[in-house]
Amino acid sequence: MEKRVVIKEKKAGLTISDVILVGVLLATGAVLKFFVGSMFNAGMKPNFVIAMYCLAILIIKPKLSEAIIIGIIAGAICQVLPGTPYINLISEPLGTL
């Protein structure tokens, strides 16, 4: 009987399925932020983009540089939606750290 050996391949970067998953989650967060966020008239509004990029990071476990890129993309998406301009380009990459 031979001993079984499990070989784990080293992950070189994000795969296509990881990129698609991040894209779908960020798009879902943008749609939820736009429609559900418009229902709240006063006070704090939920930011579903943050929830979705946190979920994406927990699922795919990217490297630090890849996580920061996800945060930059999320910040760019938040710029299109109603809210405070330019602050999301700084806060979202910091949030991914």
N, C-alpha and C. Protein backbone atom coordinates (compact mmCIF):
# COMPACT_ATOMS: atom_id res chain seq x y z
N MET A 1 0.83 -1.17 0.00
CA MET A 1 0.00 0.00 0.00
C MET A 1 0.88 1.24 0.00
N GLU A 2 0.55 2.12 -0.89
CA GLU A 2 1.28 3.38 -0.96
C GLU A 2 0.58 4.44 -0.12
N LYS A 3 1.39 5.33 0.38
CA LYS A 3 0.85 6.44 1.16
C LYS A 3 0.25 7.49 0.22
N ARG A 4 -0.93 7.95 0.55
CA ARG A 4 -1.57 8.97 -0.27
C ARG A 4 -1.00 10.34 0.06
N VAL A 5 -0.77 11.12 -0.96
CA VAL A 5 -0.22 12.46 -0.78
C VAL A 5 -1.16 13.44 -1.48
N VAL A 6 -1.59 14.44 -0.75
CA VAL A 6 -2.45 15.47 -1.32
C VAL A 6 -1.56 16.65 -1.70
N ILE A 7 -1.59 16.99 -2.97
CA ILE A 7 -0.78 18.10 -3.47
C ILE A 7 -1.70 19.29 -3.69
N LYS A 8 -1.38 20.38 -3.03
CA LYS A 8 -2.17 21.60 -3.17
C LYS A 8 -1.42 22.56 -4.08
N GLU A 9 -2.09 22.97 -5.16
CA GLU A 9 -1.45 23.89 -6.08
C GLU A 9 -1.43 25.28 -5.48
N LYS A 10 -0.34 25.99 -5.72
CA LYS A 10 -0.22 27.35 -5.21
C LYS A 10 -1.03 28.29 -6.09
N LYS A 11 -1.80 29.12 -5.46
CA LYS A 11 -2.67 30.06 -6.16
C LYS A 11 -1.83 31.25 -6.65
N ALA A 12 -1.82 31.48 -7.94
CA ALA A 12 -0.99 32.54 -8.51
C ALA A 12 -1.72 33.88 -8.53
N GLY A 13 -2.99 33.89 -8.44
CA GLY A 13 -3.78 35.12 -8.49
C GLY A 13 -5.26 34.78 -8.52
N LEU A 14 -6.05 35.76 -8.84
CA LEU A 14 -7.49 35.52 -8.92
C LEU A 14 -7.81 34.75 -10.20
N THR A 15 -8.64 33.75 -10.07
CA THR A 15 -9.09 33.02 -11.24
C THR A 15 -10.25 33.76 -11.89
N ILE A 16 -10.63 33.31 -13.05
CA ILE A 16 -11.75 33.93 -13.76
C ILE A 16 -13.03 33.81 -12.94
N SER A 17 -13.24 32.68 -12.30
CA SER A 17 -14.45 32.51 -11.49
C SER A 17 -14.44 33.44 -10.28
N ASP A 18 -13.24 33.73 -9.72
CA ASP A 18 -13.15 34.68 -8.62
C ASP A 18 -13.51 36.09 -9.08
N VAL A 19 -13.01 36.48 -10.24
CA VAL A 19 -13.30 37.81 -10.78
C VAL A 19 -14.79 37.96 -11.09
N ILE A 20 -15.38 36.91 -11.64
CA ILE A 20 -16.82 36.95 -11.94
C ILE A 20 -17.62 37.04 -10.66
N LEU A 21 -17.22 36.30 -9.63
CA LEU A 21 -17.91 36.35 -8.35
C LEU A 21 -17.84 37.75 -7.75
N VAL A 22 -16.68 38.37 -7.78
CA VAL A 22 -16.53 39.73 -7.25
C VAL A 22 -17.40 40.70 -8.04
N GLY A 23 -17.41 40.56 -9.36
CA GLY A 23 -18.22 41.44 -10.20
C GLY A 23 -19.71 41.31 -9.92
N VAL A 24 -20.16 40.07 -9.78
CA VAL A 24 -21.59 39.84 -9.51
C VAL A 24 -21.97 40.39 -8.14
N LEU A 25 -21.12 40.15 -7.14
CA LEU A 25 -21.42 40.64 -5.80
C LEU A 25 -21.41 42.17 -5.74
N LEU A 26 -20.45 42.81 -6.39
CA LEU A 26 -20.41 44.27 -6.38
C LEU A 26 -21.59 44.86 -7.16
N ALA A 27 -21.98 44.22 -8.25
CA ALA A 27 -23.15 44.70 -8.99
C ALA A 27 -24.42 44.54 -8.16
N THR A 28 -24.53 43.43 -7.44
CA THR A 28 -25.69 43.23 -6.56
C THR A 28 -25.72 44.28 -5.46
N GLY A 29 -24.56 44.58 -4.89
CA GLY A 29 -24.48 45.61 -3.86
C GLY A 29 -24.85 46.98 -4.39
N ALA A 30 -24.45 47.29 -5.63
CA ALA A 30 -24.79 48.59 -6.22
C ALA A 30 -26.30 48.71 -6.45
N VAL A 31 -26.92 47.65 -6.94
CA VAL A 31 -28.36 47.68 -7.17
C VAL A 31 -29.11 47.81 -5.85
N LEU A 32 -28.68 47.06 -4.84
CA LEU A 32 -29.34 47.15 -3.54
C LEU A 32 -29.15 48.52 -2.91
N LYS A 33 -27.96 49.09 -3.04
CA LYS A 33 -27.71 50.42 -2.48
C LYS A 33 -28.58 51.47 -3.16
N PHE A 34 -28.72 51.35 -4.47
CA PHE A 34 -29.50 52.34 -5.21
C PHE A 34 -30.99 52.26 -4.87
N PHE A 35 -31.55 51.05 -4.85
CA PHE A 35 -33.00 50.93 -4.67
C PHE A 35 -33.41 50.89 -3.20
N VAL A 36 -32.74 50.12 -2.39
CA VAL A 36 -33.11 50.03 -0.98
C VAL A 36 -32.67 51.29 -0.24
N GLY A 37 -31.51 51.83 -0.60
CA GLY A 37 -31.03 53.06 0.04
C GLY A 37 -31.91 54.25 -0.23
N SER A 38 -32.62 54.26 -1.36
CA SER A 38 -33.51 55.38 -1.66
C SER A 38 -34.79 55.34 -0.82
N MET A 39 -35.05 54.22 -0.16
CA MET A 39 -36.24 54.13 0.70
C MET A 39 -36.04 54.86 2.02
N PHE A 40 -34.79 55.05 2.43
CA PHE A 40 -34.50 55.74 3.68
C PHE A 40 -34.34 57.23 3.40
N ASN A 41 -35.17 58.04 4.02
CA ASN A 41 -35.14 59.48 3.75
C ASN A 41 -34.25 60.25 4.71
N ALA A 42 -34.14 59.81 5.93
CA ALA A 42 -33.34 60.55 6.92
C ALA A 42 -32.44 59.59 7.68
N GLY A 43 -31.36 60.11 8.18
CA GLY A 43 -30.46 59.29 8.97
C GLY A 43 -29.49 58.51 8.12
N MET A 44 -28.94 57.45 8.70
CA MET A 44 -27.95 56.64 8.00
C MET A 44 -28.62 55.72 7.00
N LYS A 45 -27.95 55.54 5.86
CA LYS A 45 -28.45 54.64 4.83
C LYS A 45 -27.50 53.44 4.75
N PRO A 46 -28.03 52.26 4.50
CA PRO A 46 -27.14 51.09 4.40
C PRO A 46 -26.32 51.13 3.12
N ASN A 47 -25.07 50.71 3.20
CA ASN A 47 -24.20 50.63 2.04
C ASN A 47 -23.96 49.15 1.74
N PHE A 48 -24.71 48.64 0.80
CA PHE A 48 -24.63 47.22 0.47
C PHE A 48 -23.38 46.89 -0.32
N VAL A 49 -22.74 47.88 -0.93
CA VAL A 49 -21.49 47.63 -1.64
C VAL A 49 -20.42 47.17 -0.65
N ILE A 50 -20.38 47.79 0.52
CA ILE A 50 -19.43 47.39 1.55
C ILE A 50 -19.70 45.95 1.99
N ALA A 51 -20.95 45.62 2.19
CA ALA A 51 -21.30 44.26 2.60
C ALA A 51 -20.89 43.25 1.54
N MET A 52 -21.05 43.60 0.28
CA MET A 52 -20.74 42.66 -0.79
C MET A 52 -19.23 42.49 -0.99
N TYR A 53 -18.44 43.57 -0.86
CA TYR A 53 -17.01 43.34 -1.03
C TYR A 53 -16.42 42.64 0.19
N CYS A 54 -17.00 42.83 1.36
CA CYS A 54 -16.57 42.05 2.52
C CYS A 54 -16.89 40.57 2.32
N LEU A 55 -18.06 40.29 1.79
CA LEU A 55 -18.44 38.91 1.50
C LEU A 55 -17.52 38.29 0.45
N ALA A 56 -17.17 39.06 -0.57
CA ALA A 56 -16.27 38.57 -1.62
C ALA A 56 -14.90 38.26 -1.05
N ILE A 57 -14.39 39.12 -0.18
CA ILE A 57 -13.08 38.90 0.42
C ILE A 57 -13.10 37.67 1.32
N LEU A 58 -14.19 37.48 2.05
CA LEU A 58 -14.29 36.30 2.91
C LEU A 58 -14.38 35.00 2.10
N ILE A 59 -15.01 35.06 0.94
CA ILE A 59 -15.19 33.85 0.14
C ILE A 59 -13.92 33.47 -0.61
N ILE A 60 -13.29 34.45 -1.30
CA ILE A 60 -12.16 34.09 -2.17
C ILE A 60 -10.80 34.21 -1.50
N LYS A 61 -10.71 34.90 -0.36
CA LYS A 61 -9.46 35.07 0.39
C LYS A 61 -8.31 35.55 -0.51
N PRO A 62 -8.42 36.78 -1.05
CA PRO A 62 -7.38 37.27 -1.95
C PRO A 62 -6.15 37.74 -1.18
N LYS A 63 -5.07 37.98 -1.94
CA LYS A 63 -3.87 38.59 -1.36
C LYS A 63 -4.19 40.04 -1.02
N LEU A 64 -3.28 40.68 -0.29
CA LEU A 64 -3.51 42.05 0.14
C LEU A 64 -3.65 43.00 -1.05
N SER A 65 -2.80 42.86 -2.04
CA SER A 65 -2.87 43.75 -3.20
C SER A 65 -4.17 43.53 -3.99
N GLU A 66 -4.61 42.29 -4.09
CA GLU A 66 -5.86 42.00 -4.79
C GLU A 66 -7.06 42.55 -4.03
N ALA A 67 -6.99 42.49 -2.69
CA ALA A 67 -8.08 43.04 -1.87
C ALA A 67 -8.16 44.56 -2.02
N ILE A 68 -7.01 45.21 -2.10
CA ILE A 68 -7.02 46.67 -2.28
C ILE A 68 -7.61 47.03 -3.64
N ILE A 69 -7.33 46.24 -4.66
CA ILE A 69 -7.92 46.48 -5.99
C ILE A 69 -9.43 46.31 -5.94
N ILE A 70 -9.91 45.32 -5.20
CA ILE A 70 -11.36 45.15 -5.02
C ILE A 70 -11.94 46.38 -4.35
N GLY A 71 -11.23 46.93 -3.36
CA GLY A 71 -11.69 48.14 -2.68
C GLY A 71 -11.73 49.35 -3.60
N ILE A 72 -10.73 49.48 -4.47
CA ILE A 72 -10.72 50.61 -5.43
C ILE A 72 -11.89 50.50 -6.39
N ILE A 73 -12.16 49.29 -6.86
CA ILE A 73 -13.31 49.09 -7.76
C ILE A 73 -14.62 49.40 -7.04
N ALA A 74 -14.73 48.97 -5.79
CA ALA A 74 -15.94 49.25 -5.01
C ALA A 74 -16.10 50.76 -4.79
N GLY A 75 -14.99 51.45 -4.54
CA GLY A 75 -15.05 52.91 -4.39
C GLY A 75 -15.47 53.61 -5.67
N ALA A 76 -15.01 53.10 -6.80
CA ALA A 76 -15.42 53.68 -8.09
C ALA A 76 -16.90 53.45 -8.35
N ILE A 77 -17.41 52.29 -7.95
CA ILE A 77 -18.84 52.01 -8.11
C ILE A 77 -19.65 52.96 -7.23
N CYS A 78 -19.18 53.19 -6.01
CA CYS A 78 -19.90 54.08 -5.09
C CYS A 78 -19.90 55.54 -5.58
N GLN A 79 -18.94 55.92 -6.41
CA GLN A 79 -18.91 57.27 -6.94
C GLN A 79 -20.06 57.53 -7.91
N VAL A 80 -20.49 56.49 -8.59
CA VAL A 80 -21.59 56.63 -9.56
C VAL A 80 -22.92 56.79 -8.84
N LEU A 81 -23.03 56.15 -7.67
CA LEU A 81 -24.28 56.18 -6.92
C LEU A 81 -24.37 57.44 -6.05
N PRO A 82 -25.56 57.82 -5.64
CA PRO A 82 -25.70 59.02 -4.80
C PRO A 82 -24.99 58.86 -3.47
N GLY A 83 -24.34 59.90 -3.04
CA GLY A 83 -23.62 59.87 -1.77
C GLY A 83 -22.56 60.95 -1.75
N THR A 84 -21.67 60.88 -0.79
CA THR A 84 -20.60 61.86 -0.67
C THR A 84 -19.55 61.62 -1.74
N PRO A 85 -19.23 62.64 -2.54
CA PRO A 85 -18.27 62.43 -3.63
C PRO A 85 -16.84 62.29 -3.12
N TYR A 86 -16.06 61.47 -3.78
CA TYR A 86 -14.62 61.27 -3.61
C TYR A 86 -14.21 60.60 -2.29
N ILE A 87 -15.02 60.61 -1.28
CA ILE A 87 -14.62 60.01 -0.01
C ILE A 87 -14.56 58.49 -0.12
N ASN A 88 -15.38 57.90 -0.98
CA ASN A 88 -15.39 56.45 -1.13
C ASN A 88 -14.13 55.92 -1.80
N LEU A 89 -13.48 56.73 -2.63
CA LEU A 89 -12.23 56.29 -3.25
C LEU A 89 -11.12 56.12 -2.21
N ILE A 90 -11.26 56.75 -1.07
CA ILE A 90 -10.27 56.61 -0.01
C ILE A 90 -10.73 55.57 1.01
N SER A 91 -12.00 55.61 1.37
CA SER A 91 -12.47 54.76 2.46
C SER A 91 -12.62 53.29 2.07
N GLU A 92 -13.00 53.00 0.85
CA GLU A 92 -13.23 51.60 0.47
C GLU A 92 -11.93 50.80 0.42
N PRO A 93 -10.83 51.30 -0.20
CA PRO A 93 -9.59 50.52 -0.11
C PRO A 93 -9.06 50.36 1.31
N LEU A 94 -9.26 51.38 2.14
CA LEU A 94 -8.86 51.25 3.55
C LEU A 94 -9.73 50.23 4.26
N GLY A 95 -10.99 50.16 3.88
CA GLY A 95 -11.89 49.17 4.48
C GLY A 95 -11.52 47.75 4.10
N THR A 96 -10.96 47.56 2.92
CA THR A 96 -10.57 46.20 2.53
C THR A 96 -9.34 45.72 3.30
N LEU A 97 -8.54 46.65 3.76
CA LEU A 97 -7.37 46.24 4.55
C LEU A 97 -7.82 45.62 5.86
